[in-house]
Amino acid sequence: MLTILVANIKGGCGKTTVATHLAAASAAAGLPTALADVDRQRSSLGWLERRPAKAPALVGLDWAKDVADAPRGTKRLVIDAPAALKTRQIEDLVKMADVIVLPVLPGAFDEQATQRFLGKLEELKSIAKNRKSVAVVGNRMRARTKAADRLDQFLGGIGHKVVTRLRDSQIYADSAASGLSLFDMPGKRAAEHRGDWGPLLAYIDAV
């Protein structure tokens, strides 16, 4: 089983959007997939409740209070972590993960929080010795804006793999409201945005 942890101590950076899309992509590829929600708000589980029966099946795990094992036969486990993780929580979740996906938004506050979180990760031996991969994802990027340019400069200087940049689009809010993802939706618009995810999915597959 490959375990993917989606985490950042900054709230509102798109962790649940990234986690639900990674889970949906795995399910669409035919892999038995579980989505574990560690956040007390249970946003990922709420998305699962809205998910149509015809969409590729996903198993939801409520980890807000206690961690439970994924069902036998699970090939992919995606963990949606809460913001403001304590050091012990970071250690425990990283220990479980094969790869850590770290979404970051354009903006000084997000960059500052992300830098602090990366500092905490780098204190862990598994990260410091490159035994576990960290994939940084630029989220809600708008081309040709000062904020996007600044985030590009920030991402280029943090010493971690910047795997992809996801464009800002209303399609994410529309899909979330229906319990869907871009990997469940037909049409040219969804296909164009799915292209942004290709490098991240390939990176995870290589792990």
C-alpha atoms as a PDB file:
ATOM      1  CA  MET A   1       0.000   0.000   0.000  1.00  0.00           C
ATOM      2  CA  LEU A   2       1.294   3.451  -0.933  1.00  0.00           C
ATOM      3  CA  THR A   3       0.428   6.152   1.615  1.00  0.00           C
ATOM      4  CA  ILE A   4       0.228   9.820   0.593  1.00  0.00           C
ATOM      5  CA  LEU A   5       0.090  12.511   3.278  1.00  0.00           C
ATOM      6  CA  VAL A   6      -1.321  15.882   2.209  1.00  0.00           C
ATOM      7  CA  ALA A   7      -0.232  18.431   4.803  1.00  0.00           C
ATOM      8  CA  ASN A   8       0.693  22.017   5.604  1.00  0.00           C
ATOM      9  CA  ILE A   9       0.275  23.917   8.877  1.00  0.00           C
ATOM     10  CA  LYS A  10      -1.367  26.804   6.976  1.00  0.00           C
ATOM     11  CA  GLY A  11      -5.143  26.564   6.773  1.00  0.00           C
ATOM     12  CA  GLY A  12      -6.957  27.257   3.530  1.00  0.00           C
ATOM     13  CA  CYS A  13      -4.107  26.249   1.237  1.00  0.00           C
ATOM     14  CA  GLY A  14      -6.130  23.565  -0.560  1.00  0.00           C
ATOM     15  CA  LYS A  15      -5.176  20.401   1.326  1.00  0.00           C
ATOM     16  CA  THR A  16      -8.653  18.863   1.040  1.00  0.00           C
ATOM     17  CA  THR A  17      -8.924  19.709  -2.661  1.00  0.00           C
ATOM     18  CA  VAL A  18      -5.565  18.057  -3.299  1.00  0.00           C
ATOM     19  CA  ALA A  19      -6.350  15.044  -1.093  1.00  0.00           C
ATOM     20  CA  THR A  20      -9.753  14.367  -2.658  1.00  0.00           C
ATOM     21  CA  HIS A  21      -8.352  14.712  -6.164  1.00  0.00           C
ATOM     22  CA  LEU A  22      -5.461  12.364  -5.473  1.00  0.00           C
ATOM     23  CA  ALA A  23      -7.870   9.808  -4.013  1.00  0.00           C
ATOM     24  CA  ALA A  24     -10.265  10.175  -6.947  1.00  0.00           C
ATOM     25  CA  ALA A  25      -7.417   9.846  -9.456  1.00  0.00           C
ATOM     26  CA  SER A  26      -6.301   6.588  -7.852  1.00  0.00           C
ATOM     27  CA  ALA A  27      -9.854   5.234  -7.809  1.00  0.00           C
ATOM     28  CA  ALA A  28     -10.347   6.232 -11.452  1.00  0.00           C
ATOM     29  CA  ALA A  29      -7.168   4.289 -12.275  1.00  0.00           C
ATOM     30  CA  GLY A  30      -8.741   1.172 -10.769  1.00  0.00           C
ATOM     31  CA  LEU A  31      -6.752   1.142  -7.526  1.00  0.00           C
ATOM     32  CA  PRO A  32      -8.640   0.292  -4.300  1.00  0.00           C
ATOM     33  CA  THR A  33      -8.282   3.597  -2.447  1.00  0.00           C
ATOM     34  CA  ALA A  34      -9.037   4.890   1.035  1.00  0.00           C
ATOM     35  CA  LEU A  35      -9.262   8.555   2.065  1.00  0.00           C
ATOM     36  CA  ALA A  36      -8.461   9.270   5.717  1.00  0.00           C
ATOM     37  CA  ASP A  37      -9.699  12.565   7.193  1.00  0.00           C
ATOM     38  CA  VAL A  38      -7.703  13.721  10.234  1.00  0.00           C
ATOM     39  CA  ASP A  39      -9.375  17.137  10.441  1.00  0.00           C
ATOM     40  CA  ARG A  40     -12.221  17.609  12.932  1.00  0.00           C
ATOM     41  CA  GLN A  41     -14.098  19.595  10.274  1.00  0.00           C
ATOM     42  CA  ARG A  42     -14.283  16.341   8.260  1.00  0.00           C
ATOM     43  CA  SER A  43     -14.355  18.153   4.912  1.00  0.00           C
ATOM     44  CA  SER A  44     -13.056  15.138   2.989  1.00  0.00           C
ATOM     45  CA  LEU A  45     -15.679  12.886   4.528  1.00  0.00           C
ATOM     46  CA  GLY A  46     -18.359  15.450   3.671  1.00  0.00           C
ATOM     47  CA  TRP A  47     -17.148  15.360   0.063  1.00  0.00           C
ATOM     48  CA  LEU A  48     -17.413  11.559   0.129  1.00  0.00           C
ATOM     49  CA  GLU A  49     -20.993  11.775   1.400  1.00  0.00           C
ATOM     50  CA  ARG A  50     -21.901  13.902  -1.640  1.00  0.00           C
ATOM     51  CA  ARG A  51     -20.129  11.554  -4.033  1.00  0.00           C
ATOM     52  CA  PRO A  52     -22.505   9.932  -6.559  1.00  0.00           C
ATOM     53  CA  ALA A  53     -22.883   6.169  -6.446  1.00  0.00           C
ATOM     54  CA  LYS A  54     -21.828   5.926 -10.107  1.00  0.00           C
ATOM     55  CA  ALA A  55     -18.413   7.496  -9.397  1.00  0.00           C
ATOM     56  CA  PRO A  56     -15.429   5.170  -8.740  1.00  0.00           C
ATOM     57  CA  ALA A  57     -15.729   3.916  -5.171  1.00  0.00           C
ATOM     58  CA  LEU A  58     -13.639   5.277  -2.315  1.00  0.00           C
ATOM     59  CA  VAL A  59     -13.475   4.208   1.330  1.00  0.00           C
ATOM     60  CA  GLY A  60     -13.642   7.004   3.889  1.00  0.00           C
ATOM     61  CA  LEU A  61     -11.789   6.760   7.212  1.00  0.00           C
ATOM     62  CA  ASP A  62     -12.578   9.099  10.107  1.00  0.00           C
ATOM     63  CA  TRP A  63      -9.247   9.725  11.817  1.00  0.00           C
ATOM     64  CA  ALA A  64     -10.273  12.907  13.657  1.00  0.00           C
ATOM     65  CA  LYS A  65     -10.022  11.097  17.010  1.00  0.00           C
ATOM     66  CA  ASP A  66      -8.399   7.735  16.373  1.00  0.00           C
ATOM     67  CA  VAL A  67      -6.340   6.212  13.580  1.00  0.00           C
ATOM     68  CA  ALA A  68      -7.803   3.019  12.125  1.00  0.00           C
ATOM     69  CA  ASP A  69      -6.366   0.551   9.640  1.00  0.00           C
ATOM     70  CA  ALA A  70      -7.301   0.828   5.987  1.00  0.00           C
ATOM     71  CA  PRO A  71      -9.375  -2.071   4.651  1.00  0.00           C
ATOM     72  CA  ARG A  72      -7.475  -5.138   3.500  1.00  0.00           C
ATOM     73  CA  GLY A  73      -6.555  -4.902  -0.171  1.00  0.00           C
ATOM     74  CA  THR A  74      -6.190  -1.101  -0.171  1.00  0.00           C
ATOM     75  CA  LYS A  75      -3.535  -0.036  -2.669  1.00  0.00           C
ATOM     76  CA  ARG A  76      -3.567   3.715  -2.052  1.00  0.00           C
ATOM     77  CA  LEU A  77      -4.190   5.560   1.202  1.00  0.00           C
ATOM     78  CA  VAL A  78      -4.527   9.350   1.031  1.00  0.00           C
ATOM     79  CA  ILE A  79      -4.388  11.226   4.353  1.00  0.00           C
ATOM     80  CA  ASP A  80      -5.967  14.695   4.573  1.00  0.00           C
ATOM     81  CA  ALA A  81      -4.181  16.364   7.511  1.00  0.00           C
ATOM     82  CA  PRO A  82      -5.522  19.320   9.508  1.00  0.00           C
ATOM     83  CA  ALA A  83      -3.852  22.708   9.793  1.00  0.00           C
ATOM     84  CA  ALA A  84      -1.857  23.685  12.900  1.00  0.00           C
ATOM     85  CA  LEU A  85      -0.401  20.223  13.361  1.00  0.00           C
ATOM     86  CA  LYS A  86       1.515  19.669  16.575  1.00  0.00           C
ATOM     87  CA  THR A  87       5.055  18.322  16.388  1.00  0.00           C
ATOM     88  CA  ARG A  88       4.008  14.874  17.613  1.00  0.00           C
ATOM     89  CA  GLN A  89       1.204  14.709  15.043  1.00  0.00           C
ATOM     90  CA  ILE A  90       3.631  15.620  12.275  1.00  0.00           C
ATOM     91  CA  GLU A  91       6.017  12.893  13.395  1.00  0.00           C
ATOM     92  CA  ASP A  92       3.275  10.251  13.591  1.00  0.00           C
ATOM     93  CA  LEU A  93       1.734  11.071  10.215  1.00  0.00           C
ATOM     94  CA  VAL A  94       5.074  11.361   8.405  1.00  0.00           C
ATOM     95  CA  LYS A  95       6.075   7.991   9.849  1.00  0.00           C
ATOM     96  CA  MET A  96       3.044   6.440   8.128  1.00  0.00           C
ATOM     97  CA  ALA A  97       3.573   8.161   4.783  1.00  0.00           C
ATOM     98  CA  ASP A  98       5.590   7.178   1.721  1.00  0.00           C
ATOM     99  CA  VAL A  99       5.321  10.656   0.197  1.00  0.00           C
ATOM    100  CA  ILE A 100       4.280  14.042   1.603  1.00  0.00           C
ATOM    101  CA  VAL A 101       2.389  16.428  -0.669  1.00  0.00           C
ATOM    102  CA  LEU A 102       2.562  20.037   0.472  1.00  0.00           C
ATOM    103  CA  PRO A 103       0.172  22.555  -1.162  1.00  0.00           C
ATOM    104  CA  VAL A 104       1.077  26.240  -0.937  1.00  0.00           C
ATOM    105  CA  LEU A 105      -0.821  29.341  -2.098  1.00  0.00           C
ATOM    106  CA  PRO A 106       0.621  32.578  -3.467  1.00  0.00           C
ATOM    107  CA  GLY A 107       1.002  35.094  -0.646  1.00  0.00           C
ATOM    108  CA  ALA A 108       3.438  36.151   2.057  1.00  0.00           C
ATOM    109  CA  PHE A 109       1.512  34.538   4.935  1.00  0.00           C
ATOM    110  CA  ASP A 110       1.264  31.178   3.175  1.00  0.00           C
ATOM    111  CA  GLU A 111       4.915  31.241   2.190  1.00  0.00           C
ATOM    112  CA  GLN A 112       5.969  32.036   5.760  1.00  0.00           C
ATOM    113  CA  ALA A 113       3.859  29.215   7.226  1.00  0.00           C
ATOM    114  CA  THR A 114       5.090  26.784   4.580  1.00  0.00           C
ATOM    115  CA  GLN A 115       8.698  27.643   5.370  1.00  0.00           C
ATOM    116  CA  ARG A 116       8.066  26.925   9.070  1.00  0.00           C
ATOM    117  CA  PHE A 117       6.415  23.613   8.225  1.00  0.00           C
ATOM    118  CA  LEU A 118       9.270  22.579   5.962  1.00  0.00           C
ATOM    119  CA  GLY A 119      11.638  23.437   8.783  1.00  0.00           C
ATOM    120  CA  LYS A 120       9.751  21.038  11.057  1.00  0.00           C
ATOM    121  CA  LEU A 121       9.817  18.335   8.397  1.00  0.00           C
ATOM    122  CA  GLU A 122      13.546  18.736   7.859  1.00  0.00           C
ATOM    123  CA  GLU A 123      14.114  18.014  11.548  1.00  0.00           C
ATOM    124  CA  LEU A 124      12.812  14.489  10.968  1.00  0.00           C
ATOM    125  CA  LYS A 125      15.473  11.954  10.037  1.00  0.00           C
ATOM    126  CA  SER A 126      13.352  10.335   7.314  1.00  0.00           C
ATOM    127  CA  ILE A 127      13.091  13.686   5.509  1.00  0.00           C
ATOM    128  CA  ALA A 128      16.604  14.921   6.243  1.00  0.00           C
ATOM    129  CA  LYS A 129      18.119  11.695   4.882  1.00  0.00           C
ATOM    130  CA  ASN A 130      15.832  11.708   1.821  1.00  0.00           C
ATOM    131  CA  ARG A 131      14.151   8.450   2.781  1.00  0.00           C
ATOM    132  CA  LYS A 132      10.791  10.092   2.204  1.00  0.00           C
ATOM    133  CA  SER A 133       9.867  12.471  -0.587  1.00  0.00           C
ATOM    134  CA  VAL A 134       8.279  15.902  -0.229  1.00  0.00           C
ATOM    135  CA  ALA A 135       6.353  17.156  -3.258  1.00  0.00           C
ATOM    136  CA  VAL A 136       5.552  20.872  -3.152  1.00  0.00           C
ATOM    137  CA  VAL A 137       2.495  21.952  -5.152  1.00  0.00           C
ATOM    138  CA  GLY A 138       1.776  25.550  -6.085  1.00  0.00           C
ATOM    139  CA  ASN A 139      -1.994  25.901  -5.748  1.00  0.00           C
ATOM    140  CA  ARG A 140      -4.528  28.363  -7.207  1.00  0.00           C
ATOM    141  CA  MET A 141      -1.935  29.913  -9.467  1.00  0.00           C
ATOM    142  CA  ARG A 142      -2.915  32.779 -11.759  1.00  0.00           C
ATOM    143  CA  ALA A 143      -0.569  33.344 -14.661  1.00  0.00           C
ATOM    144  CA  ARG A 144       1.137  36.692 -15.125  1.00  0.00           C
ATOM    145  CA  THR A 145       0.388  38.046 -11.644  1.00  0.00           C
ATOM    146  CA  LYS A 146       2.873  39.454  -9.141  1.00  0.00           C
ATOM    147  CA  ALA A 147       1.734  36.948  -6.520  1.00  0.00           C
ATOM    148  CA  ALA A 148       2.367  34.033  -8.877  1.00  0.00           C
ATOM    149  CA  ASP A 149       5.785  35.402  -9.808  1.00  0.00           C
ATOM    150  CA  ARG A 150       6.711  35.795  -6.142  1.00  0.00           C
ATOM    151  CA  LEU A 151       5.530  32.271  -5.341  1.00  0.00           C
ATOM    152  CA  ASP A 152       7.609  30.923  -8.221  1.00  0.00           C
ATOM    153  CA  GLN A 153      10.655  32.649  -6.741  1.00  0.00           C
ATOM    154  CA  PHE A 154       9.830  31.291  -3.274  1.00  0.00           C
ATOM    155  CA  LEU A 155       9.251  27.745  -4.511  1.00  0.00           C
ATOM    156  CA  GLY A 156      12.481  27.837  -6.471  1.00  0.00           C
ATOM    157  CA  GLY A 157      14.501  28.667  -3.378  1.00  0.00           C
ATOM    158  CA  ILE A 158      13.163  26.290  -0.717  1.00  0.00           C
ATOM    159  CA  GLY A 159      15.256  23.284  -1.670  1.00  0.00           C
ATOM    160  CA  HIS A 160      12.379  20.869  -2.260  1.00  0.00           C
ATOM    161  CA  LYS A 161      10.862  19.396  -5.382  1.00  0.00           C
ATOM    162  CA  VAL A 162       8.232  21.687  -6.893  1.00  0.00           C
ATOM    163  CA  VAL A 163       6.244  19.108  -8.760  1.00  0.00           C
ATOM    164  CA  THR A 164       3.440  21.091 -10.352  1.00  0.00           C
ATOM    165  CA  ARG A 165       1.392  24.275 -10.267  1.00  0.00           C
ATOM    166  CA  LEU A 166      -2.395  24.044 -10.233  1.00  0.00           C
ATOM    167  CA  ARG A 167      -4.308  26.833 -11.904  1.00  0.00           C
ATOM    168  CA  ASP A 168      -6.969  28.795 -10.047  1.00  0.00           C
ATOM    169  CA  SER A 169     -10.395  27.807 -11.377  1.00  0.00           C
ATOM    170  CA  GLN A 170     -14.037  27.707 -10.338  1.00  0.00           C
ATOM    171  CA  ILE A 171     -14.164  24.128 -11.612  1.00  0.00           C
ATOM    172  CA  TYR A 172     -12.692  22.924  -8.317  1.00  0.00           C
ATOM    173  CA  ALA A 173     -15.504  24.464  -6.264  1.00  0.00           C
ATOM    174  CA  ASP A 174     -18.090  23.116  -8.717  1.00  0.00           C
ATOM    175  CA  SER A 175     -16.717  19.582  -8.553  1.00  0.00           C
ATOM    176  CA  ALA A 176     -16.404  19.642  -4.747  1.00  0.00           C
ATOM    177  CA  ALA A 177     -20.049  20.609  -4.360  1.00  0.00           C
ATOM    178  CA  SER A 178     -21.034  17.429  -6.207  1.00  0.00           C
ATOM    179  CA  GLY A 179     -18.611  15.082  -4.489  1.00  0.00           C
ATOM    180  CA  LEU A 180     -16.622  14.812  -7.698  1.00  0.00           C
ATOM    181  CA  SER A 181     -13.156  15.633  -8.966  1.00  0.00           C
ATOM    182  CA  LEU A 182     -11.664  16.531 -12.325  1.00  0.00           C
ATOM    183  CA  PHE A 183     -10.950  12.821 -12.753  1.00  0.00           C
ATOM    184  CA  ASP A 184     -14.680  12.057 -12.630  1.00  0.00           C
ATOM    185  CA  MET A 185     -15.803  14.798 -15.013  1.00  0.00           C
ATOM    186  CA  PRO A 186     -16.114  14.683 -18.813  1.00  0.00           C
ATOM    187  CA  GLY A 187     -15.438  17.570 -21.130  1.00  0.00           C
ATOM    188  CA  LYS A 188     -12.572  19.625 -22.504  1.00  0.00           C
ATOM    189  CA  ARG A 189     -12.389  22.042 -19.554  1.00  0.00           C
ATOM    190  CA  ALA A 190     -11.880  19.277 -17.004  1.00  0.00           C
ATOM    191  CA  ALA A 191      -9.366  17.566 -19.295  1.00  0.00           C
ATOM    192  CA  GLU A 192      -7.299  20.748 -19.615  1.00  0.00           C
ATOM    193  CA  HIS A 193      -7.059  21.134 -15.833  1.00  0.00           C
ATOM    194  CA  ARG A 194      -6.320  17.436 -15.357  1.00  0.00           C
ATOM    195  CA  GLY A 195      -3.131  18.104 -17.267  1.00  0.00           C
ATOM    196  CA  ASP A 196      -1.865  20.145 -14.307  1.00  0.00           C
ATOM    197  CA  TRP A 197      -2.032  17.001 -12.156  1.00  0.00           C
ATOM    198  CA  GLY A 198      -0.002  14.796 -14.487  1.00  0.00           C
ATOM    199  CA  PRO A 199       3.444  15.642 -13.054  1.00  0.00           C
ATOM    200  CA  LEU A 200       2.259  15.063  -9.464  1.00  0.00           C
ATOM    201  CA  LEU A 201       0.636  11.722 -10.281  1.00  0.00           C
ATOM    202  CA  ALA A 202       3.763  10.598 -12.141  1.00  0.00           C
ATOM    203  CA  TYR A 203       5.914  11.663  -9.171  1.00  0.00           C
ATOM    204  CA  ILE A 204       3.756   9.636  -6.764  1.00  0.00           C
ATOM    205  CA  ASP A 205       3.770   6.603  -9.064  1.00  0.00           C
ATOM    206  CA  ALA A 206       7.578   6.747  -9.192  1.00  0.00           C
ATOM    207  CA  VAL A 207       7.716   6.643  -5.386  1.00  0.00           C
END
